[in-house]
Protein backbone atom coordinates (compact mmCIF):
# COMPACT_ATOMS: atom_id res chain seq x y z
CA MET A 1 -95.28 -1.75 -118.90
CA THR A 2 -92.77 -3.32 -116.51
CA ALA A 3 -89.88 -1.47 -118.17
CA LEU A 4 -91.77 1.83 -117.93
CA LEU A 5 -92.52 1.24 -114.24
CA TYR A 6 -88.85 0.38 -113.65
CA LEU A 7 -87.81 3.61 -115.36
CA LEU A 8 -90.40 5.54 -113.36
CA GLY A 9 -88.99 4.22 -110.08
CA VAL A 10 -85.43 5.11 -111.07
CA VAL A 11 -86.43 8.61 -112.23
CA VAL A 12 -88.44 9.32 -109.07
CA PHE A 13 -85.54 8.22 -106.87
CA VAL A 14 -82.84 10.11 -108.81
CA VAL A 15 -84.88 13.31 -109.01
CA ALA A 16 -85.66 13.10 -105.29
CA ILE A 17 -81.96 12.69 -104.45
CA LEU A 18 -81.00 15.60 -106.74
CA VAL A 19 -83.64 17.78 -105.07
CA SER A 20 -82.25 16.70 -101.69
CA ILE A 21 -78.74 17.66 -102.80
CA GLY A 22 -80.01 21.03 -103.99
CA LEU A 23 -81.77 21.66 -100.67
CA HIS A 24 -78.63 20.53 -98.79
CA GLU A 25 -76.58 23.16 -100.61
CA LEU A 26 -79.27 25.78 -99.96
CA GLY A 27 -78.80 24.92 -96.29
CA HIS A 28 -75.26 26.28 -96.66
CA LEU A 29 -75.98 29.11 -99.11
CA ILE A 30 -78.86 30.84 -97.35
CA PRO A 31 -77.23 31.31 -93.92
CA ALA A 32 -73.89 32.19 -95.54
CA LYS A 33 -75.54 35.03 -97.44
CA ARG A 34 -77.61 36.08 -94.41
CA PHE A 35 -74.42 36.40 -92.38
CA GLY A 36 -72.81 38.56 -95.05
CA GLY A 37 -70.61 35.91 -96.64
CA LYS A 38 -69.77 35.98 -100.33
CA VAL A 39 -71.03 32.94 -102.23
CA THR A 40 -69.73 32.78 -105.79
CA GLN A 41 -71.03 29.36 -106.90
CA TYR A 42 -73.98 27.06 -106.21
CA PHE A 43 -73.83 23.82 -108.22
CA ILE A 44 -75.60 20.47 -108.20
CA GLY A 45 -73.28 17.74 -109.46
CA PHE A 46 -69.61 17.63 -110.38
CA GLY A 47 -67.59 17.64 -113.58
CA PRO A 48 -68.42 19.58 -116.76
CA THR A 49 -71.05 22.28 -116.47
CA VAL A 50 -74.36 21.41 -118.18
CA TRP A 51 -76.11 24.69 -117.42
CA SER A 52 -75.43 27.77 -115.34
CA LYS A 53 -76.73 31.28 -114.80
CA ARG A 54 -75.25 34.15 -112.81
CA VAL A 55 -77.60 35.99 -110.51
CA GLY A 56 -75.86 38.85 -108.78
CA GLU A 57 -72.50 37.64 -107.52
CA THR A 58 -73.50 33.94 -107.47
CA GLU A 59 -73.38 31.48 -110.37
CA TYR A 60 -76.11 28.84 -110.13
CA GLY A 61 -75.86 25.68 -112.22
CA VAL A 62 -75.95 21.95 -112.84
CA LYS A 63 -72.98 19.73 -113.65
CA ALA A 64 -72.82 16.43 -115.52
CA ILE A 65 -72.14 13.95 -112.70
CA PRO A 66 -75.09 13.93 -110.24
CA LEU A 67 -73.19 12.51 -107.27
CA GLY A 68 -73.19 15.55 -105.01
CA GLY A 69 -73.02 19.32 -105.08
CA TYR A 70 -71.17 22.26 -103.63
CA VAL A 71 -71.38 25.90 -102.62
CA LYS A 72 -68.28 28.08 -103.00
CA ILE A 73 -67.98 30.45 -100.05
CA VAL A 74 -65.09 32.87 -100.40
CA GLY A 75 -62.48 32.93 -97.65
CA MET A 76 -62.78 29.42 -96.21
CA LEU A 77 -59.05 29.45 -95.40
CA PRO A 78 -57.57 32.06 -93.04
CA PRO A 79 -55.26 34.61 -94.58
CA GLY A 80 -51.86 33.00 -94.25
CA ALA A 81 -51.52 34.08 -97.85
CA THR A 82 -50.46 37.71 -97.41
CA ALA A 83 -47.88 36.65 -94.86
CA VAL A 84 -46.17 34.39 -97.38
CA ALA A 85 -46.89 36.45 -100.46
CA ASP A 86 -44.13 37.05 -102.95
CA GLU A 87 -45.92 39.99 -104.50
CA VAL A 88 -49.04 42.03 -103.81
CA THR A 89 -50.11 44.26 -106.72
CA TYR A 90 -53.27 45.76 -108.15
CA ASP A 91 -54.62 45.34 -111.69
CA GLU A 92 -55.99 48.10 -113.90
CA ASP A 93 -59.38 47.86 -112.20
CA GLY A 94 -57.82 48.33 -108.79
CA THR A 95 -58.35 44.69 -107.75
CA GLN A 96 -55.68 43.26 -105.45
CA VAL A 97 -53.63 40.48 -107.02
CA THR A 98 -51.66 38.34 -104.57
CA ARG A 99 -49.00 35.95 -105.79
CA VAL A 100 -48.07 33.28 -103.25
CA ARG A 101 -44.93 31.20 -103.02
CA LYS A 102 -45.36 27.75 -104.59
CA SER A 103 -41.92 26.36 -103.67
CA ASN A 104 -42.54 25.10 -100.14
CA THR A 105 -40.75 21.91 -99.22
CA GLY A 106 -42.70 18.71 -98.51
CA MET A 107 -45.64 17.28 -100.39
CA PHE A 108 -48.32 18.24 -97.89
CA THR A 109 -46.80 21.67 -97.32
CA GLN A 110 -46.93 22.25 -101.05
CA LEU A 111 -50.56 21.12 -101.19
CA ILE A 112 -51.47 23.51 -98.38
CA SER A 113 -49.60 26.35 -100.08
CA ASP A 114 -51.31 25.69 -103.42
CA ALA A 115 -54.76 25.51 -101.82
CA ARG A 116 -54.15 28.72 -99.89
CA ALA A 117 -52.91 30.46 -103.05
CA ALA A 118 -55.95 29.34 -105.06
CA GLU A 119 -58.26 30.56 -102.29
CA TRP A 120 -56.53 33.91 -101.93
CA GLU A 121 -56.64 34.65 -105.65
CA LEU A 122 -60.45 34.81 -105.36
CA VAL A 123 -60.35 37.47 -102.64
CA GLY A 124 -60.59 41.14 -103.59
CA PRO A 125 -60.12 44.14 -101.30
CA GLU A 126 -63.90 44.65 -101.21
CA ASP A 127 -64.31 41.17 -99.70
CA SER A 128 -62.31 41.90 -96.57
CA ASP A 129 -65.32 41.87 -94.23
CA ARG A 130 -67.16 39.05 -96.04
CA LEU A 131 -64.70 36.19 -95.67
CA PHE A 132 -65.95 32.96 -94.13
CA TYR A 133 -63.02 32.56 -91.74
CA LYS A 134 -63.81 35.95 -90.18
CA MET A 135 -67.32 34.91 -89.13
CA THR A 136 -67.88 34.27 -85.46
CA TRP A 137 -67.61 30.59 -84.55
CA TRP A 138 -71.34 30.07 -84.10
CA LYS A 139 -72.11 31.53 -87.52
CA LYS A 140 -69.61 29.12 -89.06
CA VAL A 141 -71.35 26.24 -87.28
CA VAL A 142 -74.76 27.38 -88.52
CA VAL A 143 -73.52 27.70 -92.12
CA MET A 144 -71.78 24.32 -92.20
CA ALA A 145 -74.46 22.47 -90.20
CA GLY A 146 -77.21 23.89 -92.41
CA GLY A 147 -76.66 21.39 -95.22
CA PRO A 148 -76.78 18.09 -93.31
CA THR A 149 -79.51 19.47 -91.05
CA VAL A 150 -81.68 19.97 -94.13
CA ASN A 151 -81.17 16.32 -95.09
CA ILE A 152 -82.17 15.17 -91.61
CA LEU A 153 -85.24 17.41 -91.70
CA ILE A 154 -86.22 15.96 -95.09
CA ALA A 155 -85.86 12.49 -93.61
CA PHE A 156 -87.91 13.51 -90.57
CA PHE A 157 -90.85 14.80 -92.62
CA LEU A 158 -90.84 11.79 -94.95
CA PHE A 159 -90.68 9.35 -92.04
CA TRP A 160 -93.41 11.34 -90.29
CA VAL A 161 -95.64 10.85 -93.35
CA ILE A 162 -94.93 7.11 -93.26
CA PHE A 163 -95.35 6.66 -89.50
CA GLY A 164 -98.40 8.93 -89.35
CA THR A 165 -100.30 7.18 -92.16
CA TYR A 166 -98.94 3.74 -92.99
CA GLY A 167 -97.28 3.19 -89.62
CA THR A 168 -94.84 0.49 -88.59
CA ARG A 169 -96.06 -3.05 -89.13
CA GLU A 170 -94.98 -6.10 -87.19
CA ALA A 171 -96.04 -9.70 -87.51
CA VAL A 172 -97.07 -10.87 -84.03
CA ALA A 173 -97.96 -14.43 -83.04
CA ASP A 174 -101.66 -15.02 -82.41
CA GLU A 175 -102.81 -15.16 -78.81
CA GLY A 176 -103.19 -18.51 -77.08
CA ARG A 177 -101.61 -21.83 -77.96
CA PRO A 178 -99.42 -21.47 -81.05
CA VAL A 179 -100.87 -22.77 -84.29
CA ILE A 180 -98.17 -23.77 -86.78
CA ASP A 181 -98.22 -21.74 -89.98
CA SER A 182 -95.21 -23.38 -91.66
CA VAL A 183 -92.60 -26.04 -90.94
CA SER A 184 -88.98 -25.87 -92.07
CA GLU A 185 -87.98 -28.87 -94.13
CA CYS A 186 -84.32 -28.72 -93.11
CA VAL A 187 -81.81 -26.93 -90.89
CA ILE A 188 -80.08 -24.09 -92.75
CA PRO A 189 -77.31 -22.13 -90.99
CA TYR A 190 -78.46 -18.66 -89.95
CA ALA A 191 -75.78 -17.00 -92.11
CA GLU A 192 -77.23 -18.78 -95.17
CA GLU A 193 -80.89 -18.06 -94.48
CA GLY A 194 -83.03 -17.62 -97.57
CA ARG A 195 -81.61 -20.41 -99.70
CA ALA A 196 -83.41 -23.63 -100.55
CA CYS A 197 -82.77 -26.92 -98.78
CA THR A 198 -80.24 -29.30 -100.31
CA ALA A 199 -79.67 -33.03 -99.92
CA ASP A 200 -76.78 -32.29 -97.56
CA ASP A 201 -78.93 -30.32 -95.10
CA PRO A 202 -80.27 -32.30 -92.11
CA PRO A 203 -84.07 -32.43 -91.66
CA SER A 204 -85.46 -29.95 -89.15
CA PRO A 205 -86.47 -31.18 -85.67
CA ALA A 206 -90.08 -30.17 -86.41
CA ALA A 207 -90.14 -32.31 -89.55
CA GLU A 208 -88.63 -35.24 -87.63
CA ALA A 209 -91.34 -34.89 -84.97
CA GLY A 210 -94.03 -35.09 -87.66
CA LEU A 211 -95.38 -31.56 -87.17
CA ARG A 212 -97.45 -30.04 -89.98
CA PRO A 213 -99.00 -26.63 -90.73
CA GLY A 214 -102.29 -26.27 -88.84
CA ASP A 215 -101.14 -28.28 -85.80
CA THR A 216 -101.64 -26.64 -82.40
CA ILE A 217 -98.76 -27.22 -79.96
CA THR A 218 -100.06 -28.08 -76.50
CA SER A 219 -96.98 -29.18 -74.53
CA PHE A 220 -93.18 -29.25 -74.63
CA ASN A 221 -91.33 -31.78 -72.46
CA GLY A 222 -94.39 -32.07 -70.20
CA VAL A 223 -94.87 -28.30 -69.80
CA GLU A 224 -98.31 -27.08 -70.86
CA ILE A 225 -97.99 -24.43 -73.58
CA THR A 226 -100.12 -21.28 -73.37
CA GLY A 227 -98.39 -18.99 -75.88
CA TRP A 228 -95.69 -18.67 -78.54
CA ASP A 229 -93.23 -16.66 -76.43
CA GLN A 230 -93.30 -19.35 -73.75
CA LEU A 231 -92.72 -22.12 -76.32
CA ARG A 232 -89.87 -20.23 -78.00
CA SER A 233 -88.11 -19.73 -74.66
CA LEU A 234 -88.44 -23.43 -73.81
CA ILE A 235 -87.03 -24.44 -77.20
CA ARG A 236 -84.09 -22.04 -76.98
CA GLU A 237 -83.17 -23.11 -73.46
CA ASN A 238 -83.56 -26.83 -74.09
CA SER A 239 -79.92 -27.55 -73.28
CA ASP A 240 -79.86 -31.37 -73.67
CA GLY A 241 -81.80 -31.17 -76.96
CA GLU A 242 -84.26 -34.01 -76.25
CA ALA A 243 -87.86 -32.91 -76.68
CA VAL A 244 -91.30 -34.49 -76.53
CA ILE A 245 -93.86 -32.28 -78.24
CA GLY A 246 -97.61 -32.62 -77.71
CA TYR A 247 -99.93 -31.19 -80.35
CA LEU A 248 -103.50 -31.21 -81.61
CA ARG A 249 -104.35 -32.24 -85.17
CA ASP A 250 -107.97 -32.30 -86.29
CA GLY A 251 -109.06 -32.55 -82.65
CA ARG A 252 -106.76 -35.51 -81.86
CA GLU A 253 -104.03 -35.39 -79.21
CA LEU A 254 -100.71 -36.49 -80.73
CA SER A 255 -97.07 -36.32 -79.72
CA GLY A 256 -93.68 -36.48 -81.38
CA THR A 257 -90.12 -36.92 -80.14
CA THR A 258 -87.13 -35.08 -81.57
CA SER A 259 -83.91 -33.25 -80.68
CA THR A 260 -84.00 -29.47 -80.82
CA THR A 261 -80.83 -28.96 -82.82
CA VAL A 262 -78.52 -26.33 -81.35
CA GLU A 263 -78.07 -23.54 -83.91
CA ALA A 264 -76.43 -20.10 -84.00
CA ARG A 265 -79.43 -17.80 -83.96
CA PRO A 266 -80.25 -14.21 -82.88
CA ALA A 267 -80.50 -14.14 -79.11
CA ASP A 268 -83.33 -11.58 -79.20
CA SER A 269 -86.06 -10.30 -81.48
CA GLU A 270 -83.87 -7.46 -82.67
CA GLY A 271 -81.33 -9.88 -84.11
CA GLU A 272 -78.53 -7.99 -82.38
CA ALA A 273 -76.48 -10.82 -80.87
CA VAL A 274 -76.03 -14.34 -82.16
CA ARG A 275 -75.51 -17.32 -79.88
CA GLU A 276 -76.19 -21.05 -79.92
CA VAL A 277 -79.78 -21.82 -78.94
CA GLY A 278 -82.26 -24.63 -79.40
CA PHE A 279 -84.02 -24.70 -82.78
CA LEU A 280 -87.26 -26.46 -83.75
CA GLY A 281 -88.11 -25.09 -87.20
CA VAL A 282 -91.71 -23.88 -86.97
CA VAL A 283 -93.34 -20.52 -87.70
CA PRO A 284 -96.53 -19.70 -85.77
CA ALA A 285 -99.67 -18.21 -87.25
CA THR A 286 -99.40 -14.44 -86.96
CA HIS A 287 -101.33 -11.24 -87.45
CA VAL A 288 -100.02 -7.81 -88.37
CA GLU A 289 -100.01 -5.12 -85.69
CA VAL A 290 -99.92 -1.55 -87.00
CA THR A 291 -98.47 1.25 -84.90
CA THR A 292 -98.85 4.86 -86.02
CA GLY A 293 -97.54 8.01 -84.42
CA GLY A 294 -96.83 11.70 -84.84
CA PRO A 295 -93.69 13.83 -84.54
CA LEU A 296 -92.59 12.51 -81.16
CA TYR A 297 -92.99 8.91 -82.28
CA THR A 298 -91.03 9.74 -85.43
CA LEU A 299 -88.26 11.32 -83.37
CA GLY A 300 -88.11 8.21 -81.21
CA GLN A 301 -87.81 5.96 -84.24
CA MET A 302 -85.14 8.21 -85.74
CA GLY A 303 -83.25 8.06 -82.47
CA HIS A 304 -82.91 4.30 -82.94
CA MET A 305 -81.94 4.88 -86.57
CA ALA A 306 -79.27 7.36 -85.48
CA ALA A 307 -77.68 4.79 -83.17
CA ASP A 308 -77.72 2.20 -85.95
CA THR A 309 -76.27 4.73 -88.42
CA VAL A 310 -73.39 5.65 -86.09
CA GLU A 311 -72.57 1.96 -85.78
CA ALA A 312 -72.82 1.55 -89.56
CA LEU A 313 -70.50 4.52 -90.14
CA ALA A 314 -67.92 3.04 -87.79
CA MET A 315 -68.04 -0.23 -89.74
CA LEU A 316 -68.31 1.38 -93.19
CA PRO A 317 -64.74 0.59 -94.39
CA VAL A 318 -65.19 -3.06 -93.35
CA LYS A 319 -68.59 -3.27 -95.04
CA VAL A 320 -67.22 -1.74 -98.25
CA TRP A 321 -64.39 -4.28 -98.17
CA ASP A 322 -67.04 -7.01 -97.96
CA VAL A 323 -68.70 -5.54 -101.05
CA ALA A 324 -65.35 -5.61 -102.84
CA GLN A 325 -64.99 -9.30 -101.95
CA ALA A 326 -68.51 -9.94 -103.25
CA VAL A 327 -67.57 -8.24 -106.54
CA VAL A 328 -64.71 -10.71 -107.11
CA GLY A 329 -66.83 -13.66 -105.97
CA VAL A 330 -65.13 -14.38 -102.64
CA GLU A 331 -68.36 -14.05 -100.64
CA GLU A 332 -72.06 -13.24 -101.04
CA ARG A 333 -73.29 -9.63 -101.03
CA ASP A 334 -74.76 -8.67 -97.67
CA PRO A 335 -78.37 -7.55 -98.31
CA GLU A 336 -78.14 -5.28 -95.26
CA GLY A 337 -74.84 -3.73 -96.36
CA PRO A 338 -74.18 -0.26 -97.82
CA MET A 339 -75.10 0.75 -101.34
CA SER A 340 -74.51 3.72 -103.63
CA ILE A 341 -77.06 5.94 -105.34
CA VAL A 342 -76.83 3.48 -108.24
CA GLY A 343 -77.99 0.67 -105.95
CA GLY A 344 -80.74 2.88 -104.59
CA GLY A 345 -81.93 3.58 -108.11
CA ARG A 346 -81.96 -0.13 -108.96
CA LEU A 347 -83.95 -0.96 -105.82
CA ALA A 348 -86.41 1.82 -106.63
CA GLY A 349 -86.86 0.52 -110.17
CA GLU A 350 -87.21 -3.13 -109.16
CA THR A 351 -89.73 -2.30 -106.45
CA THR A 352 -91.84 -0.09 -108.69
CA SER A 353 -91.95 -2.70 -111.46
CA HIS A 354 -92.55 -5.72 -109.20
CA GLU A 355 -96.00 -7.12 -110.01
CA GLU A 356 -96.60 -8.82 -106.64
CA ILE A 357 -96.04 -5.70 -104.51
CA PRO A 358 -99.18 -3.56 -103.94
CA VAL A 359 -99.07 0.11 -104.99
CA VAL A 360 -99.26 1.30 -101.38
CA GLU A 361 -96.30 -0.88 -100.41
CA LYS A 362 -94.32 0.40 -103.40
CA THR A 363 -95.02 4.01 -102.44
CA VAL A 364 -94.04 3.45 -98.82
CA PHE A 365 -90.85 1.69 -99.88
CA LEU A 366 -89.84 4.52 -102.24
CA VAL A 367 -90.56 7.23 -99.67
CA GLY A 368 -88.70 5.26 -97.01
CA LEU A 369 -85.76 4.70 -99.37
CA ILE A 370 -85.49 8.43 -100.12
CA ALA A 371 -85.84 9.26 -96.42
CA GLY A 372 -83.18 6.70 -95.51
CA PHE A 373 -80.70 8.10 -98.03
CA ASN A 374 -81.29 11.63 -96.72
CA PHE A 375 -80.84 10.53 -93.13
CA PHE A 376 -77.59 8.74 -93.93
CA ILE A 377 -76.27 11.69 -95.98
CA GLY A 378 -77.05 14.04 -93.10
CA MET A 379 -75.43 11.84 -90.48
CA PHE A 380 -72.42 11.13 -92.70
CA ASN A 381 -71.77 14.83 -93.28
CA PHE A 382 -71.66 15.43 -89.52
CA VAL A 383 -68.59 13.17 -89.20
CA PRO A 384 -65.93 15.57 -87.80
CA LEU A 385 -63.41 15.12 -90.61
CA LEU A 386 -62.59 17.39 -93.53
CA PRO A 387 -63.72 17.73 -96.27
CA LEU A 388 -67.07 16.84 -94.72
CA ASP A 389 -69.20 19.56 -93.16
CA GLY A 390 -68.51 18.07 -89.76
CA GLY A 391 -64.80 18.82 -90.20
CA HIS A 392 -65.54 22.54 -90.61
CA ILE A 393 -67.93 22.41 -87.65
CA ALA A 394 -65.25 20.78 -85.49
CA SER A 395 -62.75 23.45 -86.59
CA ALA A 396 -65.16 26.26 -85.62
CA LEU A 397 -65.90 24.64 -82.24
CA TRP A 398 -62.18 24.22 -81.56
CA GLU A 399 -61.70 27.92 -82.38
CA ALA A 400 -64.39 28.81 -79.84
CA VAL A 401 -62.76 26.61 -77.19
CA ARG A 402 -59.29 28.07 -77.81
CA ARG A 403 -60.47 31.66 -77.70
CA GLY A 404 -62.66 31.03 -74.66
CA ALA A 405 -59.82 29.36 -72.79
CA ALA A 406 -57.51 32.26 -73.68
CA ARG A 407 -60.00 34.79 -72.29
CA VAL A 408 -60.44 32.83 -69.07
CA ARG A 409 -56.67 32.54 -68.64
CA ARG A 410 -56.14 36.20 -69.68
CA ARG A 411 -53.91 35.15 -72.53
CA PRO A 412 -53.64 36.81 -75.96
CA ASP A 413 -56.30 35.86 -78.51
CA PRO A 414 -54.94 32.81 -80.40
CA GLY A 415 -56.82 33.95 -83.53
CA TYR A 416 -58.60 31.91 -86.15
CA VAL A 417 -58.09 28.17 -86.56
CA ASP A 418 -56.18 27.59 -89.78
CA ALA A 419 -58.24 24.96 -91.58
CA ALA A 420 -55.56 24.76 -94.28
CA LYS A 421 -53.35 22.80 -91.91
CA LEU A 422 -55.97 20.04 -91.92
CA LEU A 423 -55.96 19.71 -95.71
CA PRO A 424 -53.71 16.61 -95.65
CA VAL A 425 -56.43 14.89 -93.61
CA ALA A 426 -59.03 16.17 -96.06
CA TYR A 427 -57.11 14.73 -99.03
CA VAL A 428 -56.81 11.32 -97.35
CA VAL A 429 -60.49 11.26 -96.36
CA ALA A 430 -61.59 12.43 -99.82
CA SER A 431 -59.47 9.72 -101.46
CA ALA A 432 -60.96 7.07 -99.19
CA MET A 433 -64.48 8.32 -99.94
CA LEU A 434 -63.77 8.20 -103.67
CA VAL A 435 -62.48 4.63 -103.48
CA MET A 436 -65.40 3.46 -101.33
CA GLY A 437 -67.87 5.18 -103.63
CA LEU A 438 -66.42 3.49 -106.70
CA VAL A 439 -66.44 0.08 -104.98
CA LEU A 440 -70.11 0.50 -104.03
CA ILE A 441 -71.08 1.62 -107.54
CA VAL A 442 -69.27 -1.37 -109.10
CA GLY A 443 -70.86 -3.65 -106.51
CA ASP A 444 -74.34 -2.28 -107.29
CA LEU A 445 -73.74 -2.99 -110.97
CA VAL A 446 -72.09 -6.42 -110.66
CA VAL A 447 -73.68 -7.95 -107.52
CA PRO A 448 -76.72 -5.75 -106.81
CA ILE A 449 -78.92 -6.09 -103.75
CA GLN A 450 -82.26 -7.58 -104.82
CA VAL A 451 -85.73 -6.58 -103.65
CA LEU A 452 -86.87 -10.20 -103.12
C-alpha cells in the first residue's frame, strides 16, 4: 500500500507538471497564431519523438524526456540571411531555397551564421508576412510572455484554492503567562537545528534552571511576565546572561537561576537575519490560528513569494554549488535549497505515502508543491536573458525603445532588433542551465531533501 501511494504521489506530480508545460506552450502558441504567425511545431518534452500528429501546418507531439517543451515559431531571427546569401534559388515547387555562407570567422560568428541559416531554410516566400520578427513589439511581448504568465496564473488559482479553503496556519503562543510545552535538553547551534543532542552539547539554560513542561513562567529577573512575546524579548536582550526565573508548578511558586546562553538565532519571526541573542530553550504552549482569504489575499501572499523568488534566483548559482558540495559530502543538503523535478517527484511520493500525515495535509502539500513549481517556472522564464522567454521580451522592448527614440529625434527607423547577435549569450546561459539542472537532478538522487 505504501509503495502504491508513493507511486500515486509521483504520478500526480509528474502529470501535473507535464500539463503545466503543455499549458505554458499553449500560452505561446495561441497568441502567435492569433497574430498571424506560423507555428510549425508544438512539443512537450525533448529528445526522440514518442508521438506526433500534424494538424494543418502545425505538428503536435510528445518527446521522450519530460523536462520542458517548445513551440517553433517561424522567423524568430530577422532576415540577415538574404543579405549574406551565397545563392537564392527556387525548387521545382516554386519554394525559395536560400543558401547562406557558413565560413564566417570566429566561433560565435559562425554559430550566429549557422543559426540564421537554419532559421532561414524554414522560410518560404508565402511566409513573408507571417514571420515572428515582423510582428509589432507589443505582439512579440504578448506571445513570449504568454507562456510564463500561464504558469503564474496556474499558481495563482492553486494557491487561491489553498488560501480560500485550508488557509495559512500559524502556531501562536497562548494568551497570558506562558506555559511551557517543551524544554530543550541541550544547546544546538542554529545552523545544526534538527539533530539530536550529543554528549558534547552543553545543557540548555532552561534545563539548568530546572524548568519542566507544564510550568508557568511568572517572572524574569524580577520583571512580572504577562505574555510570551514579552518574555522572549527579555531573554533575547539579556546582555549579561544572568537570569533568575520565577515559575509556577502544581500551584507552588518556584525559582531557578541560570545564564541565558548567547546564541546566533533569527532576529525576527521571519528568520530573515541572524544575530547573537539570549537563548533559554523553552517552547510555549500554542494554538493554531487559521487565516483564509480570497483573490486579493492570494495576490498579497504571492507578492511576498515573488520577492523571495527574485532573491532565490539571484542566489541560484551559489545554491546549486552548495548542492554540488552536498553530493560529494562536503556539507549537508540545505532543506530550503533548490530542487529539480526529480526532487519534487520524490517529495510528492514521500508525502503521499507517509502514514502520519493526514489526507488533507497531503493534498494541500501536493497542490502547494505543484503551485510552487509553476510559480518558480513562470518567474524564472521572465529573467531577461536568452534563451528564456524574458530574453525575447527584453529584445522586443528594446526594439520599441529604439524605434520610439528615433521617431522623437526624427531619425531613420533603426529597424528590427537582431536577436541572432545575442545567441552567444543564449548559448552560455543554456549551458549554465544544463549544468545546474544536472547537478540538481544528481543531488535529488544522491542527497534528496526529506519530508520529515
